[in-house]
Amino acid sequence: MNTAFAYESRESYFDGKLIEYIGWCLAGWLVTVCTLGICYPWSVVMIYRWKVEHMVVEGRRLRFEGTAVSLFGQWVKWFVLSIITLGIYSFWVKIKLEEWKAKNTFFQ
């Protein structure tokens, strides 16, 4: 086996372009603003999916299977828990979001 080929197949990289990222961020911002924040989970999913689909880890491309609907359900739950705990739960929301992203990210 050619060692150069074996090394290249295990390479990790990101192949997204800045102009694409700016476009997705602007689209997410517009959706969030136009819906007064209700579609923020859709914006999060849209941008994160773009990031994941342009990522290759050790030669294997990643894919993201999370949906805005499932994140919206989580978002409502986290919001209610934050209200019930007088804002204390909000400190965990960022971590819970990262956990949700990780649970929905796979190798192709």
Protein backbone atom coordinates (compact mmCIF):
# COMPACT_ATOMS: atom_id res chain seq x y z
CA MET A 1 0.00 0.00 0.00
CA ASN A 2 1.24 3.48 -0.85
CA THR A 3 1.90 5.30 2.44
CA ALA A 4 1.27 8.73 0.87
CA PHE A 5 -2.23 7.62 -0.13
CA ALA A 6 -2.89 6.15 3.32
CA TYR A 7 -1.80 9.41 4.94
CA GLU A 8 -4.00 11.54 2.65
CA SER A 9 -7.06 9.42 3.35
CA ARG A 10 -6.69 10.16 7.09
CA GLU A 11 -6.40 13.90 6.62
CA SER A 12 -8.76 16.27 8.45
CA TYR A 13 -9.83 19.56 6.89
CA PHE A 14 -12.63 22.06 6.41
CA ASP A 15 -13.58 22.96 2.84
CA GLY A 16 -16.21 25.68 3.39
CA LYS A 17 -15.75 29.13 1.87
CA LEU A 18 -16.03 32.45 3.70
CA ILE A 19 -18.59 33.91 1.28
CA GLU A 20 -20.84 30.85 1.80
CA TYR A 21 -20.55 31.21 5.58
CA ILE A 22 -21.43 34.90 5.42
CA GLY A 23 -24.45 34.07 3.24
CA TRP A 24 -25.72 31.39 5.62
CA CYS A 25 -25.20 33.67 8.63
CA LEU A 26 -27.09 36.50 6.94
CA ALA A 27 -29.93 34.13 5.99
CA GLY A 28 -30.07 32.85 9.57
CA TRP A 29 -30.09 36.37 10.94
CA LEU A 30 -32.89 37.42 8.58
CA VAL A 31 -35.02 34.40 9.47
CA THR A 32 -34.51 35.04 13.18
CA VAL A 33 -35.29 38.76 12.96
CA CYS A 34 -38.29 38.38 10.64
CA THR A 35 -39.88 35.78 12.92
CA LEU A 36 -39.03 37.67 16.13
CA GLY A 37 -36.79 34.81 17.26
CA ILE A 38 -39.32 32.01 16.86
CA CYS A 39 -37.32 30.41 14.03
CA TYR A 40 -33.96 30.80 15.77
CA PRO A 41 -33.63 26.99 16.10
CA TRP A 42 -34.02 26.72 12.31
CA SER A 43 -31.21 29.26 11.92
CA VAL A 44 -28.97 27.29 14.30
CA VAL A 45 -29.63 24.03 12.44
CA MET A 46 -29.11 25.61 9.02
CA ILE A 47 -25.72 27.14 9.91
CA TYR A 48 -24.49 24.12 11.87
CA ARG A 49 -25.46 21.75 9.04
CA TRP A 50 -23.41 23.86 6.62
CA LYS A 51 -20.38 23.72 8.95
CA VAL A 52 -20.62 19.96 9.50
CA GLU A 53 -21.14 19.12 5.84
CA HIS A 54 -17.91 20.93 4.96
CA MET A 55 -15.86 19.09 7.59
CA VAL A 56 -13.72 16.00 6.99
CA VAL A 57 -12.18 14.20 9.98
CA GLU A 58 -9.47 11.60 9.31
CA GLY A 59 -10.65 11.27 5.73
CA ARG A 60 -14.31 10.80 6.62
CA ARG A 61 -16.88 13.48 5.86
CA LEU A 62 -19.37 14.32 8.61
CA ARG A 63 -23.13 14.66 8.24
CA PHE A 64 -25.71 16.32 10.45
CA GLU A 65 -29.17 14.79 10.89
CA GLY A 66 -30.72 17.19 13.40
CA THR A 67 -33.89 19.04 12.46
CA ALA A 68 -35.24 22.44 13.39
CA VAL A 69 -38.41 20.81 14.72
CA SER A 70 -36.52 18.61 17.18
CA LEU A 71 -34.35 21.54 18.27
CA PHE A 72 -37.44 23.71 18.68
CA GLY A 73 -38.86 21.11 21.08
CA GLN A 74 -35.65 21.16 23.08
CA TRP A 75 -35.59 24.97 22.95
CA VAL A 76 -39.10 25.18 24.47
CA LYS A 77 -38.13 22.71 27.20
CA TRP A 78 -34.96 24.66 28.02
CA PHE A 79 -36.90 27.95 28.05
CA VAL A 80 -39.52 26.57 30.45
CA LEU A 81 -36.84 25.11 32.73
CA SER A 82 -35.04 28.46 32.72
CA ILE A 83 -38.24 30.23 33.78
CA ILE A 84 -39.04 27.68 36.50
CA THR A 85 -35.52 27.93 37.95
CA LEU A 86 -35.51 31.75 37.72
CA GLY A 87 -32.82 31.71 35.04
CA ILE A 88 -30.44 29.29 36.70
CA TYR A 89 -30.99 26.58 34.05
CA SER A 90 -29.99 29.04 31.33
CA PHE A 91 -26.36 28.48 32.32
CA TRP A 92 -26.74 24.88 31.05
CA VAL A 93 -28.50 25.73 27.77
CA LYS A 94 -25.26 26.27 25.80
CA ILE A 95 -23.95 22.88 26.98
CA LYS A 96 -27.28 21.18 26.20
CA LEU A 97 -27.19 22.69 22.69
CA GLU A 98 -23.68 21.30 22.12
CA GLU A 99 -24.83 17.89 23.39
CA TRP A 100 -27.79 17.98 20.97
CA LYS A 101 -25.46 18.87 18.10
CA ALA A 102 -23.09 16.03 18.98
CA LYS A 103 -25.93 13.48 19.21
CA ASN A 104 -27.03 14.43 15.69
CA THR A 105 -23.60 14.46 14.02
CA PHE A 106 -22.33 11.31 12.32
CA PHE A 107 -19.75 10.07 9.81
CA GLN A 108 -21.06 9.51 6.29
